[in-house]
PDB file of N, CA and C in Angstrom:
ATOM      1  N   MET A   1     -30.048 -30.640 -12.215  1.00  0.00           N
ATOM      2  CA  MET A   1     -29.414 -29.819 -11.470  1.00  0.00           C
ATOM      3  C   MET A   1     -29.030 -29.553  -9.867  1.00  0.00           C
ATOM      4  N   SER A   2     -27.291 -29.235  -9.777  1.00  0.00           N
ATOM      5  CA  SER A   2     -26.732 -29.786  -8.963  1.00  0.00           C
ATOM      6  C   SER A   2     -26.922 -28.583  -7.541  1.00  0.00           C
ATOM      7  N   ASP A   3     -26.844 -28.785  -6.517  1.00  0.00           N
ATOM      8  CA  ASP A   3     -26.917 -27.259  -5.766  1.00  0.00           C
ATOM      9  C   ASP A   3     -25.473 -26.961  -5.708  1.00  0.00           C
ATOM     10  N   GLU A   4     -24.553 -27.917  -5.863  1.00  0.00           N
ATOM     11  CA  GLU A   4     -22.847 -27.902  -5.438  1.00  0.00           C
ATOM     12  C   GLU A   4     -22.174 -26.734  -7.430  1.00  0.00           C
ATOM     13  N   GLN A   5     -22.908 -25.978  -7.517  1.00  0.00           N
ATOM     14  CA  GLN A   5     -23.074 -24.984  -8.870  1.00  0.00           C
ATOM     15  C   GLN A   5     -21.517 -24.076  -8.348  1.00  0.00           C
ATOM     16  N   PRO A   6     -20.116 -24.167  -9.080  1.00  0.00           N
ATOM     17  CA  PRO A   6     -19.065 -23.440  -8.702  1.00  0.00           C
ATOM     18  C   PRO A   6     -19.964 -21.688  -8.713  1.00  0.00           C
ATOM     19  N   ARG A   7     -19.106 -21.162  -7.807  1.00  0.00           N
ATOM     20  CA  ARG A   7     -19.746 -19.893  -7.097  1.00  0.00           C
ATOM     21  C   ARG A   7     -19.387 -18.771  -8.103  1.00  0.00           C
ATOM     22  N   ARG A   8     -19.956 -17.934  -9.452  1.00  0.00           N
ATOM     23  CA  ARG A   8     -18.965 -17.222 -10.161  1.00  0.00           C
ATOM     24  C   ARG A   8     -18.436 -16.142  -9.340  1.00  0.00           C
ATOM     25  N   PRO A   9     -17.954 -15.499  -9.767  1.00  0.00           N
ATOM     26  CA  PRO A   9     -17.156 -14.180  -8.893  1.00  0.00           C
ATOM     27  C   PRO A   9     -18.518 -12.904  -9.377  1.00  0.00           C
ATOM     28  N   ASP A  10     -18.529 -12.213  -8.343  1.00  0.00           N
ATOM     29  CA  ASP A  10     -19.482 -11.040  -8.102  1.00  0.00           C
ATOM     30  C   ASP A  10     -19.103 -10.071  -8.108  1.00  0.00           C
ATOM     31  N   PRO A  11     -18.657  -9.259  -9.597  1.00  0.00           N
ATOM     32  CA  PRO A  11     -18.029  -8.176  -9.831  1.00  0.00           C
ATOM     33  C   PRO A  11     -18.220  -6.902  -8.818  1.00  0.00           C
ATOM     34  N   THR A  12     -19.363  -7.163  -8.181  1.00  0.00           N
ATOM     35  CA  THR A  12     -19.813  -5.888  -7.703  1.00  0.00           C
ATOM     36  C   THR A  12     -18.955  -6.283  -5.763  1.00  0.00           C
ATOM     37  N   ARG A  13     -18.837  -7.332  -5.380  1.00  0.00           N
ATOM     38  CA  ARG A  13     -17.920  -7.481  -3.990  1.00  0.00           C
ATOM     39  C   ARG A  13     -16.501  -6.967  -4.192  1.00  0.00           C
ATOM     40  N   VAL A  14     -15.753  -6.424  -2.905  1.00  0.00           N
ATOM     41  CA  VAL A  14     -14.551  -6.119  -3.435  1.00  0.00           C
ATOM     42  C   VAL A  14     -13.565  -7.068  -3.476  1.00  0.00           C
ATOM     43  N   GLY A  15     -13.648  -8.009  -3.091  1.00  0.00           N
ATOM     44  CA  GLY A  15     -12.741  -9.511  -2.758  1.00  0.00           C
ATOM     45  C   GLY A  15     -12.984 -10.629  -4.074  1.00  0.00           C
ATOM     46  N   ASP A  16     -14.162  -9.872  -5.254  1.00  0.00           N
ATOM     47  CA  ASP A  16     -13.914 -10.524  -6.255  1.00  0.00           C
ATOM     48  C   ASP A  16     -13.853  -9.335  -7.358  1.00  0.00           C
ATOM     49  N   GLN A  17     -13.079  -8.519  -7.451  1.00  0.00           N
ATOM     50  CA  GLN A  17     -12.310  -7.531  -8.302  1.00  0.00           C
ATOM     51  C   GLN A  17     -11.337  -8.437  -8.974  1.00  0.00           C
ATOM     52  N   PRO A  18     -10.973  -8.239 -10.278  1.00  0.00           N
ATOM     53  CA  PRO A  18      -9.987  -8.732 -10.780  1.00  0.00           C
ATOM     54  C   PRO A  18      -8.770  -8.005 -10.193  1.00  0.00           C
ATOM     55  N   ALA A  19      -8.779  -7.308  -9.758  1.00  0.00           N
ATOM     56  CA  ALA A  19      -7.348  -6.907  -9.356  1.00  0.00           C
ATOM     57  C   ALA A  19      -6.606  -7.477  -7.984  1.00  0.00           C
ATOM     58  N   LEU A  20      -7.867  -7.942  -7.294  1.00  0.00           N
ATOM     59  CA  LEU A  20      -7.604  -9.089  -6.232  1.00  0.00           C
ATOM     60  C   LEU A  20      -7.663 -10.386  -6.234  1.00  0.00           C
ATOM     61  N   ARG A  21      -7.915 -11.138  -8.148  1.00  0.00           N
ATOM     62  CA  ARG A  21      -7.963 -12.508  -8.264  1.00  0.00           C
ATOM     63  C   ARG A  21      -7.708 -12.816  -9.527  1.00  0.00           C
ATOM     64  N   THR A  22      -7.284 -11.960 -10.631  1.00  0.00           N
ATOM     65  CA  THR A  22      -6.656 -12.590 -11.684  1.00  0.00           C
ATOM     66  C   THR A  22      -5.060 -11.900 -12.027  1.00  0.00           C
ATOM     67  N   ALA A  23      -5.030 -10.734 -11.464  1.00  0.00           N
ATOM     68  CA  ALA A  23      -3.612  -9.952 -12.314  1.00  0.00           C
ATOM     69  C   ALA A  23      -2.988 -10.352 -11.569  1.00  0.00           C
ATOM     70  N   SER A  24      -1.400 -10.346 -12.210  1.00  0.00           N
ATOM     71  CA  SER A  24       0.028 -10.826 -12.241  1.00  0.00           C
ATOM     72  C   SER A  24       0.556 -10.119 -10.704  1.00  0.00           C
ATOM     73  N   GLY A  25       0.341  -9.163 -10.597  1.00  0.00           N
ATOM     74  CA  GLY A  25       0.477  -8.179  -9.430  1.00  0.00           C
ATOM     75  C   GLY A  25       1.665  -6.793  -9.875  1.00  0.00           C
ATOM     76  N   SER A  26       1.591  -6.641 -11.223  1.00  0.00           N
ATOM     77  CA  SER A  26       2.240  -5.951 -12.134  1.00  0.00           C
ATOM     78  C   SER A  26       1.737  -4.501 -11.440  1.00  0.00           C
ATOM     79  N   ASN A  27       0.423  -4.609 -11.284  1.00  0.00           N
ATOM     80  CA  ASN A  27      -0.367  -3.446 -11.410  1.00  0.00           C
ATOM     81  C   ASN A  27      -0.190  -2.461  -9.850  1.00  0.00           C
ATOM     82  N   TRP A  28      -0.318  -3.688  -9.143  1.00  0.00           N
ATOM     83  CA  TRP A  28       0.291  -2.947  -7.651  1.00  0.00           C
ATOM     84  C   TRP A  28       0.989  -2.657  -7.645  1.00  0.00           C
ATOM     85  N   LEU A  29       2.774  -3.119  -8.186  1.00  0.00           N
ATOM     86  CA  LEU A  29       3.486  -2.644  -7.950  1.00  0.00           C
ATOM     87  C   LEU A  29       3.698  -0.926  -8.624  1.00  0.00           C
ATOM     88  N   VAL A  30       2.942  -0.559  -9.544  1.00  0.00           N
ATOM     89  CA  VAL A  30       3.023   0.247 -10.495  1.00  0.00           C
ATOM     90  C   VAL A  30       1.970   1.657  -9.565  1.00  0.00           C
ATOM     91  N   TRP A  31       1.266   1.174  -8.740  1.00  0.00           N
ATOM     92  CA  TRP A  31       0.290   1.875  -8.514  1.00  0.00           C
ATOM     93  C   TRP A  31       1.073   2.013  -6.942  1.00  0.00           C
ATOM     94  N   GLY A  32       1.542   1.253  -6.648  1.00  0.00           N
ATOM     95  CA  GLY A  32       2.642   1.183  -5.007  1.00  0.00           C
ATOM     96  C   GLY A  32       3.981   1.913  -5.142  1.00  0.00           C
ATOM     97  N   GLY A  33       4.502   1.912  -6.246  1.00  0.00           N
ATOM     98  CA  GLY A  33       5.626   2.643  -7.137  1.00  0.00           C
ATOM     99  C   GLY A  33       5.111   4.011  -7.009  1.00  0.00           C
ATOM    100  N   VAL A  34       3.744   4.663  -7.732  1.00  0.00           N
ATOM    101  CA  VAL A  34       3.479   6.291  -7.754  1.00  0.00           C
ATOM    102  C   VAL A  34       3.274   6.408  -6.364  1.00  0.00           C
ATOM    103  N   THR A  35       2.662   5.618  -5.416  1.00  0.00           N
ATOM    104  CA  THR A  35       2.234   5.950  -3.921  1.00  0.00           C
ATOM    105  C   THR A  35       3.400   6.426  -3.486  1.00  0.00           C
ATOM    106  N   THR A  36       4.208   5.425  -3.285  1.00  0.00           N
ATOM    107  CA  THR A  36       6.115   5.301  -2.809  1.00  0.00           C
ATOM    108  C   THR A  36       6.308   6.638  -3.119  1.00  0.00           C
ATOM    109  N   VAL A  37       6.151   7.016  -4.502  1.00  0.00           N
ATOM    110  CA  VAL A  37       6.780   8.612  -5.184  1.00  0.00           C
ATOM    111  C   VAL A  37       5.605   9.578  -4.433  1.00  0.00           C
ATOM    112  N   ILE A  38       4.887  10.089  -4.279  1.00  0.00           N
ATOM    113  CA  ILE A  38       4.192  11.099  -3.810  1.00  0.00           C
ATOM    114  C   ILE A  38       4.265  10.949  -1.904  1.00  0.00           C
ATOM    115  N   VAL A  39       3.888   9.791  -1.893  1.00  0.00           N
ATOM    116  CA  VAL A  39       4.006   9.983   0.092  1.00  0.00           C
ATOM    117  C   VAL A  39       5.548  10.123   0.201  1.00  0.00           C
ATOM    118  N   ALA A  40       6.588   9.600  -0.426  1.00  0.00           N
ATOM    119  CA  ALA A  40       8.006  10.111  -0.132  1.00  0.00           C
ATOM    120  C   ALA A  40       8.176  11.349  -0.557  1.00  0.00           C
ATOM    121  N   ALA A  41       7.554  12.581  -1.232  1.00  0.00           N
ATOM    122  CA  ALA A  41       7.916  13.383  -1.222  1.00  0.00           C
ATOM    123  C   ALA A  41       7.760  14.350   0.056  1.00  0.00           C
ATOM    124  N   VAL A  42       6.251  13.691  -0.086  1.00  0.00           N
ATOM    125  CA  VAL A  42       5.893  14.524   1.310  1.00  0.00           C
ATOM    126  C   VAL A  42       6.373  14.621   2.434  1.00  0.00           C
ATOM    127  N   MET A  43       7.332  13.343   2.181  1.00  0.00           N
ATOM    128  CA  MET A  43       7.711  13.004   3.777  1.00  0.00           C
ATOM    129  C   MET A  43       9.501  13.587   3.667  1.00  0.00           C
ATOM    130  N   VAL A  44       9.612  13.629   2.679  1.00  0.00           N
ATOM    131  CA  VAL A  44      11.315  15.086   2.708  1.00  0.00           C
ATOM    132  C   VAL A  44      10.606  16.184   2.843  1.00  0.00           C
ATOM    133  N   LEU A  45       9.674  16.811   2.564  1.00  0.00           N
ATOM    134  CA  LEU A  45       9.299  18.410   2.711  1.00  0.00           C
ATOM    135  C   LEU A  45       9.065  18.039   3.955  1.00  0.00           C
ATOM    136  N   MET A  46       8.507  17.388   4.969  1.00  0.00           N
ATOM    137  CA  MET A  46       8.009  17.186   6.172  1.00  0.00           C
ATOM    138  C   MET A  46       9.025  16.918   6.841  1.00  0.00           C
ATOM    139  N   ALA A  47      10.551  15.942   6.549  1.00  0.00           N
ATOM    140  CA  ALA A  47      11.182  16.197   7.543  1.00  0.00           C
ATOM    141  C   ALA A  47      12.180  17.520   7.683  1.00  0.00           C
ATOM    142  N   ILE A  48      11.879  18.602   6.993  1.00  0.00           N
ATOM    143  CA  ILE A  48      12.425  19.953   6.940  1.00  0.00           C
ATOM    144  C   ILE A  48      11.855  20.213   8.039  1.00  0.00           C
ATOM    145  N   ARG A  49      10.609  20.274   8.823  1.00  0.00           N
ATOM    146  CA  ARG A  49      10.176  21.012   9.727  1.00  0.00           C
ATOM    147  C   ARG A  49      10.174  19.646  10.835  1.00  0.00           C
ATOM    148  N   ALA A  50      10.211  18.223  10.729  1.00  0.00           N
ATOM    149  CA  ALA A  50       9.996  17.632  11.338  1.00  0.00           C
ATOM    150  C   ALA A  50      10.845  16.590  11.325  1.00  0.00           C
ATOM    151  N   PRO A  51      12.027  16.631  11.481  1.00  0.00           N
ATOM    152  CA  PRO A  51      12.739  15.476  10.857  1.00  0.00           C
ATOM    153  C   PRO A  51      12.570  13.833  11.921  1.00  0.00           C
ATOM    154  N   GLY A  52      12.122  14.142  13.042  1.00  0.00           N
ATOM    155  CA  GLY A  52      12.168  13.127  14.280  1.00  0.00           C
ATOM    156  C   GLY A  52      10.956  11.992  13.468  1.00  0.00           C
ATOM    157  N   ILE A  53       9.837  12.606  12.529  1.00  0.00           N
ATOM    158  CA  ILE A  53       8.961  11.892  12.293  1.00  0.00           C
ATOM    159  C   ILE A  53       9.018  11.878  10.614  1.00  0.00           C
ATOM    160  N   GLY A  54       9.362  12.692   9.528  1.00  0.00           N
ATOM    161  CA  GLY A  54       9.385  12.779   8.393  1.00  0.00           C
ATOM    162  C   GLY A  54      10.481  11.644   8.077  1.00  0.00           C
ATOM    163  N   TRP A  55      11.764  12.145   8.339  1.00  0.00           N
ATOM    164  CA  TRP A  55      12.777  10.673   7.855  1.00  0.00           C
ATOM    165  C   TRP A  55      11.993   9.145   8.255  1.00  0.00           C
ATOM    166  N   PRO A  56      12.485   8.584   9.703  1.00  0.00           N
ATOM    167  CA  PRO A  56      11.465   7.451   9.656  1.00  0.00           C
ATOM    168  C   PRO A  56      10.310   6.708   9.315  1.00  0.00           C
ATOM    169  N   ALA A  57       9.569   8.041   8.584  1.00  0.00           N
ATOM    170  CA  ALA A  57       8.354   7.712   7.920  1.00  0.00           C
ATOM    171  C   ALA A  57       8.806   7.588   6.539  1.00  0.00           C
ATOM    172  N   LEU A  58       9.961   8.053   5.641  1.00  0.00           N
ATOM    173  CA  LEU A  58       9.946   7.940   4.837  1.00  0.00           C
ATOM    174  C   LEU A  58      10.801   6.544   4.700  1.00  0.00           C
ATOM    175  N   VAL A  59      11.726   6.277   5.530  1.00  0.00           N
ATOM    176  CA  VAL A  59      12.371   4.983   5.471  1.00  0.00           C
ATOM    177  C   VAL A  59      11.363   4.302   5.353  1.00  0.00           C
ATOM    178  N   LEU A  60      10.074   3.941   6.347  1.00  0.00           N
ATOM    179  CA  LEU A  60       9.490   3.031   6.636  1.00  0.00           C
ATOM    180  C   LEU A  60       8.782   2.922   5.098  1.00  0.00           C
ATOM    181  N   VAL A  61       8.215   3.908   4.674  1.00  0.00           N
ATOM    182  CA  VAL A  61       7.505   3.828   3.167  1.00  0.00           C
ATOM    183  C   VAL A  61       8.351   2.976   1.760  1.00  0.00           C
ATOM    184  N   VAL A  62      10.042   2.992   2.424  1.00  0.00           N
ATOM    185  CA  VAL A  62      10.749   2.941   1.353  1.00  0.00           C
ATOM    186  C   VAL A  62      10.883   1.093   1.606  1.00  0.00           C
ATOM    187  N   VAL A  63      11.013   0.756   3.090  1.00  0.00           N
ATOM    188  CA  VAL A  63      10.819  -0.539   3.234  1.00  0.00           C
ATOM    189  C   VAL A  63       9.503  -1.128   2.790  1.00  0.00           C
ATOM    190  N   LEU A  64       8.626  -0.769   3.045  1.00  0.00           N
ATOM    191  CA  LEU A  64       6.720  -1.312   2.544  1.00  0.00           C
ATOM    192  C   LEU A  64       6.907  -1.682   0.782  1.00  0.00           C
ATOM    193  N   PHE A  65       7.904  -0.620   0.171  1.00  0.00           N
ATOM    194  CA  PHE A  65       7.538  -0.326  -1.398  1.00  0.00           C
ATOM    195  C   PHE A  65       8.586  -1.685  -1.810  1.00  0.00           C
ATOM    196  N   THR A  66       9.975  -1.597  -0.973  1.00  0.00           N
ATOM    197  CA  THR A  66      10.712  -2.679  -0.972  1.00  0.00           C
ATOM    198  C   THR A  66      10.358  -4.035  -0.723  1.00  0.00           C
ATOM    199  N   ALA A  67       9.032  -4.403   0.405  1.00  0.00           N
ATOM    200  CA  ALA A  67       8.826  -5.827   0.873  1.00  0.00           C
ATOM    201  C   ALA A  67       7.563  -5.910  -0.669  1.00  0.00           C
ATOM    202  N   MET A  68       6.749  -4.850  -1.188  1.00  0.00           N
ATOM    203  CA  MET A  68       6.070  -5.725  -2.284  1.00  0.00           C
ATOM    204  C   MET A  68       7.148  -5.581  -3.264  1.00  0.00           C
ATOM    205  N   VAL A  69       8.208  -5.206  -3.875  1.00  0.00           N
ATOM    206  CA  VAL A  69       8.601  -5.957  -4.579  1.00  0.00           C
ATOM    207  C   VAL A  69       8.680  -7.073  -4.411  1.00  0.00           C
ATOM    208  N   VAL A  70       9.580  -7.221  -3.782  1.00  0.00           N
ATOM    209  CA  VAL A  70      10.031  -8.839  -3.046  1.00  0.00           C
ATOM    210  C   VAL A  70       9.059  -9.683  -3.094  1.00  0.00           C
ATOM    211  N   LEU A  71       8.062  -9.485  -2.220  1.00  0.00           N
ATOM    212  CA  LEU A  71       6.700 -10.312  -2.343  1.00  0.00           C
ATOM    213  C   LEU A  71       6.225 -10.752  -3.252  1.00  0.00           C
ATOM    214  N   ARG A  72       6.297  -9.666  -4.790  1.00  0.00           N
ATOM    215  CA  ARG A  72       6.154  -9.650  -5.942  1.00  0.00           C
ATOM    216  C   ARG A  72       6.589 -11.096  -6.648  1.00  0.00           C
ATOM    217  N   ASN A  73       7.821 -11.222  -6.158  1.00  0.00           N
ATOM    218  CA  ASN A  73       8.642 -11.974  -7.146  1.00  0.00           C
ATOM    219  C   ASN A  73       8.792 -13.083  -5.880  1.00  0.00           C
ATOM    220  N   ALA A  74       8.380 -13.174  -4.546  1.00  0.00           N
ATOM    221  CA  ALA A  74       8.754 -14.296  -3.934  1.00  0.00           C
ATOM    222  C   ALA A  74       7.566 -15.993  -3.870  1.00  0.00           C
ATOM    223  N   VAL A  75       6.113 -15.111  -3.825  1.00  0.00           N
ATOM    224  CA  VAL A  75       5.548 -15.743  -3.532  1.00  0.00           C
ATOM    225  C   VAL A  75       4.576 -16.122  -4.991  1.00  0.00           C
ATOM    226  N   ARG A  76       4.160 -17.206  -4.689  1.00  0.00           N
ATOM    227  CA  ARG A  76       3.343 -17.573  -5.940  1.00  0.00           C
ATOM    228  C   ARG A  76       1.718 -17.985  -5.750  1.00  0.00           C
ATOM    229  N   PRO A  77       1.419 -18.215  -4.499  1.00  0.00           N
ATOM    230  CA  PRO A  77      -0.337 -18.031  -4.760  1.00  0.00           C
ATOM    231  C   PRO A  77      -0.918 -16.806  -5.064  1.00  0.00           C
ATOM    232  N   GLN A  78      -1.308 -17.010  -6.250  1.00  0.00           N
ATOM    233  CA  GLN A  78      -1.978 -15.590  -6.576  1.00  0.00           C
ATOM    234  C   GLN A  78      -2.641 -14.895  -5.990  1.00  0.00           C
ATOM    235  N   ARG A  79      -4.130 -15.328  -5.139  1.00  0.00           N
ATOM    236  CA  ARG A  79      -4.716 -14.326  -4.297  1.00  0.00           C
ATOM    237  C   ARG A  79      -4.381 -13.944  -3.047  1.00  0.00           C
ATOM    238  N   ALA A  80      -3.145 -14.763  -2.264  1.00  0.00           N
ATOM    239  CA  ALA A  80      -2.684 -14.423  -1.466  1.00  0.00           C
ATOM    240  C   ALA A  80      -1.746 -13.441  -1.930  1.00  0.00           C
ATOM    241  N   ARG A  81      -0.808 -13.758  -2.842  1.00  0.00           N
ATOM    242  CA  ARG A  81       0.201 -12.270  -2.995  1.00  0.00           C
ATOM    243  C   ARG A  81      -0.410 -10.834  -3.398  1.00  0.00           C
ATOM    244  N   LEU A  82      -2.008 -10.883  -4.413  1.00  0.00           N
ATOM    245  CA  LEU A  82      -2.748  -9.843  -4.770  1.00  0.00           C
ATOM    246  C   LEU A  82      -2.912  -9.271  -3.361  1.00  0.00           C
ATOM    247  N   VAL A  83      -3.608  -9.928  -2.698  1.00  0.00           N
ATOM    248  CA  VAL A  83      -3.871  -9.588  -1.482  1.00  0.00           C
ATOM    249  C   VAL A  83      -3.152  -9.009  -0.728  1.00  0.00           C
ATOM    250  N   THR A  84      -2.001  -8.977  -0.376  1.00  0.00           N
ATOM    251  CA  THR A  84      -0.856  -8.634   0.305  1.00  0.00           C
ATOM    252  C   THR A  84      -0.623  -7.438  -0.387  1.00  0.00           C
ATOM    253  N   LEU A  85      -0.114  -7.485  -1.872  1.00  0.00           N
ATOM    254  CA  LEU A  85      -0.137  -6.173  -2.127  1.00  0.00           C
ATOM    255  C   LEU A  85      -0.944  -5.021  -1.530  1.00  0.00           C
ATOM    256  N   ALA A  86      -1.999  -5.424  -2.081  1.00  0.00           N
ATOM    257  CA  ALA A  86      -2.739  -4.361  -1.667  1.00  0.00           C
ATOM    258  C   ALA A  86      -2.695  -3.601  -0.503  1.00  0.00           C
ATOM    259  N   VAL A  87      -2.548  -4.890   0.727  1.00  0.00           N
ATOM    260  CA  VAL A  87      -2.170  -4.479   1.818  1.00  0.00           C
ATOM    261  C   VAL A  87      -1.073  -4.002   2.271  1.00  0.00           C
ATOM    262  N   LEU A  88       0.023  -3.621   1.696  1.00  0.00           N
ATOM    263  CA  LEU A  88       1.192  -3.027   1.950  1.00  0.00           C
ATOM    264  C   LEU A  88       1.145  -1.875   1.208  1.00  0.00           C
ATOM    265  N   ASP A  89       0.329  -1.886  -0.079  1.00  0.00           N
ATOM    266  CA  ASP A  89       0.291  -0.404  -0.575  1.00  0.00           C
ATOM    267  C   ASP A  89      -0.366   0.502   0.229  1.00  0.00           C
ATOM    268  N   LEU A  90      -1.897   0.091   0.913  1.00  0.00           N
ATOM    269  CA  LEU A  90      -2.636   0.504   1.491  1.00  0.00           C
ATOM    270  C   LEU A  90      -1.746   1.246   2.910  1.00  0.00           C
ATOM    271  N   GLY A  91      -1.179   0.169   3.628  1.00  0.00           N
ATOM    272  CA  GLY A  91       0.072   0.739   4.761  1.00  0.00           C
ATOM    273  C   GLY A  91       1.231   1.957   4.129  1.00  0.00           C
ATOM    274  N   ILE A  92       1.412   2.312   2.826  1.00  0.00           N
ATOM    275  CA  ILE A  92       2.296   3.458   2.836  1.00  0.00           C
ATOM    276  C   ILE A  92       1.567   4.188   2.886  1.00  0.00           C
ATOM    277  N   VAL A  93       0.185   4.243   2.521  1.00  0.00           N
ATOM    278  CA  VAL A  93      -0.797   5.425   2.367  1.00  0.00           C
ATOM    279  C   VAL A  93      -0.982   6.055   3.967  1.00  0.00           C
ATOM    280  N   VAL A  94      -1.043   4.804   5.055  1.00  0.00           N
ATOM    281  CA  VAL A  94      -1.370   4.657   6.136  1.00  0.00           C
ATOM    282  C   VAL A  94      -0.105   5.198   7.081  1.00  0.00           C
ATOM    283  N   VAL A  95       0.601   5.147   6.750  1.00  0.00           N
ATOM    284  CA  VAL A  95       2.063   5.874   6.731  1.00  0.00           C
ATOM    285  C   VAL A  95       2.467   7.063   7.000  1.00  0.00           C
ATOM    286  N   GLY A  96       1.943   7.392   5.789  1.00  0.00           N
ATOM    287  CA  GLY A  96       1.859   8.693   5.221  1.00  0.00           C
ATOM    288  C   GLY A  96       1.074   9.504   5.671  1.00  0.00           C
ATOM    289  N   LEU A  97      -0.395   9.041   5.994  1.00  0.00           N
ATOM    290  CA  LEU A  97      -0.936   9.908   6.794  1.00  0.00           C
ATOM    291  C   LEU A  97      -0.641  10.163   8.698  1.00  0.00           C
ATOM    292  N   VAL A  98      -0.481   8.940   8.545  1.00  0.00           N
ATOM    293  CA  VAL A  98      -0.056   8.957  10.202  1.00  0.00           C
ATOM    294  C   VAL A  98       1.222   9.656  10.588  1.00  0.00           C
ATOM    295  N   ALA A  99       1.803  10.151   9.679  1.00  0.00           N
ATOM    296  CA  ALA A  99       3.137  10.794   9.711  1.00  0.00           C
ATOM    297  C   ALA A  99       2.770  12.575   9.819  1.00  0.00           C
ATOM    298  N   VAL A 100       1.924  12.889   8.671  1.00  0.00           N
ATOM    299  CA  VAL A 100       1.192  13.719   8.260  1.00  0.00           C
ATOM    300  C   VAL A 100       0.497  14.137   9.669  1.00  0.00           C
ATOM    301  N   LEU A 101      -0.414  13.330   9.677  1.00  0.00           N
ATOM    302  CA  LEU A 101      -1.503  13.773  11.575  1.00  0.00           C
ATOM    303  C   LEU A 101      -0.361  14.132  12.802  1.00  0.00           C
ATOM    304  N   ALA A 102       0.314  13.224  12.524  1.00  0.00           N
ATOM    305  CA  ALA A 102       1.491  13.370  13.790  1.00  0.00           C
ATOM    306  C   ALA A 102       2.252  14.922  13.883  1.00  0.00           C
ATOM    307  N   VAL A 103       2.800  15.292  12.432  1.00  0.00           N
ATOM    308  CA  VAL A 103       3.185  16.679  12.486  1.00  0.00           C
ATOM    309  C   VAL A 103       2.419  17.752  13.214  1.00  0.00           C
ATOM    310  N   LEU A 104       1.202  17.515  12.190  1.00  0.00           N
ATOM    311  CA  LEU A 104       0.211  18.538  12.179  1.00  0.00           C
ATOM    312  C   LEU A 104      -0.165  18.859  13.787  1.00  0.00           C
ATOM    313  N   TYR A 105      -0.675  17.945  14.378  1.00  0.00           N
ATOM    314  CA  TYR A 105      -1.168  17.690  15.755  1.00  0.00           C
ATOM    315  C   TYR A 105       0.154  17.737  17.088  1.00  0.00           C
ATOM    316  N   SER A 106       1.542  18.275  16.739  1.00  0.00           N
ATOM    317  CA  SER A 106       2.873  18.059  17.853  1.00  0.00           C
ATOM    318  C   SER A 106       3.184  19.250  17.197  1.00  0.00           C
ATOM    319  N   THR A 107       3.116  20.327  16.399  1.00  0.00           N
ATOM    320  CA  THR A 107       3.449  21.770  15.972  1.00  0.00           C
ATOM    321  C   THR A 107       2.605  22.477  16.632  1.00  0.00           C
ATOM    322  N   PRO A 108       3.655  23.548  17.768  1.00  0.00           N
ATOM    323  CA  PRO A 108       2.086  24.890  18.336  1.00  0.00           C
ATOM    324  C   PRO A 108       1.736  25.954  17.193  1.00  0.00           C
ATOM    325  N   THR A 109       0.492  25.677  17.832  1.00  0.00           N
ATOM    326  CA  THR A 109      -0.132  26.988  17.069  1.00  0.00           C
ATOM    327  C   THR A 109       0.129  28.075  17.596  1.00  0.00           C
ATOM    328  N   GLY A 110      -0.008  29.306  17.122  1.00  0.00           N
ATOM    329  CA  GLY A 110       0.242  30.433  17.711  1.00  0.00           C
ATOM    330  C   GLY A 110       0.599  31.945  16.836  1.00  0.00           C
TER     331      GLY A 110
END
């Protein structure tokens, strides 16, 4: 027996999930699209109350999703592409959360 056996993926590790190892990237585009629609709807509604935060956040969300689509078709190494798509999808959520918190804490209460 050799100590140099190939490491088998551990399905309990986040980095070994099929969505980050063997997927085509289409699943990330679907979830990215769903995330974009939800966050964009919130940003449009929020832009009514705080246009200085809502509209730029909406533009950034659309840019991130566009980057996902371009990246899915331009980058070939599978793991790098899948991880980057996951990070961009997370970025869409983070932009939405930061924008909502910014409006929440910048609005005077009373």
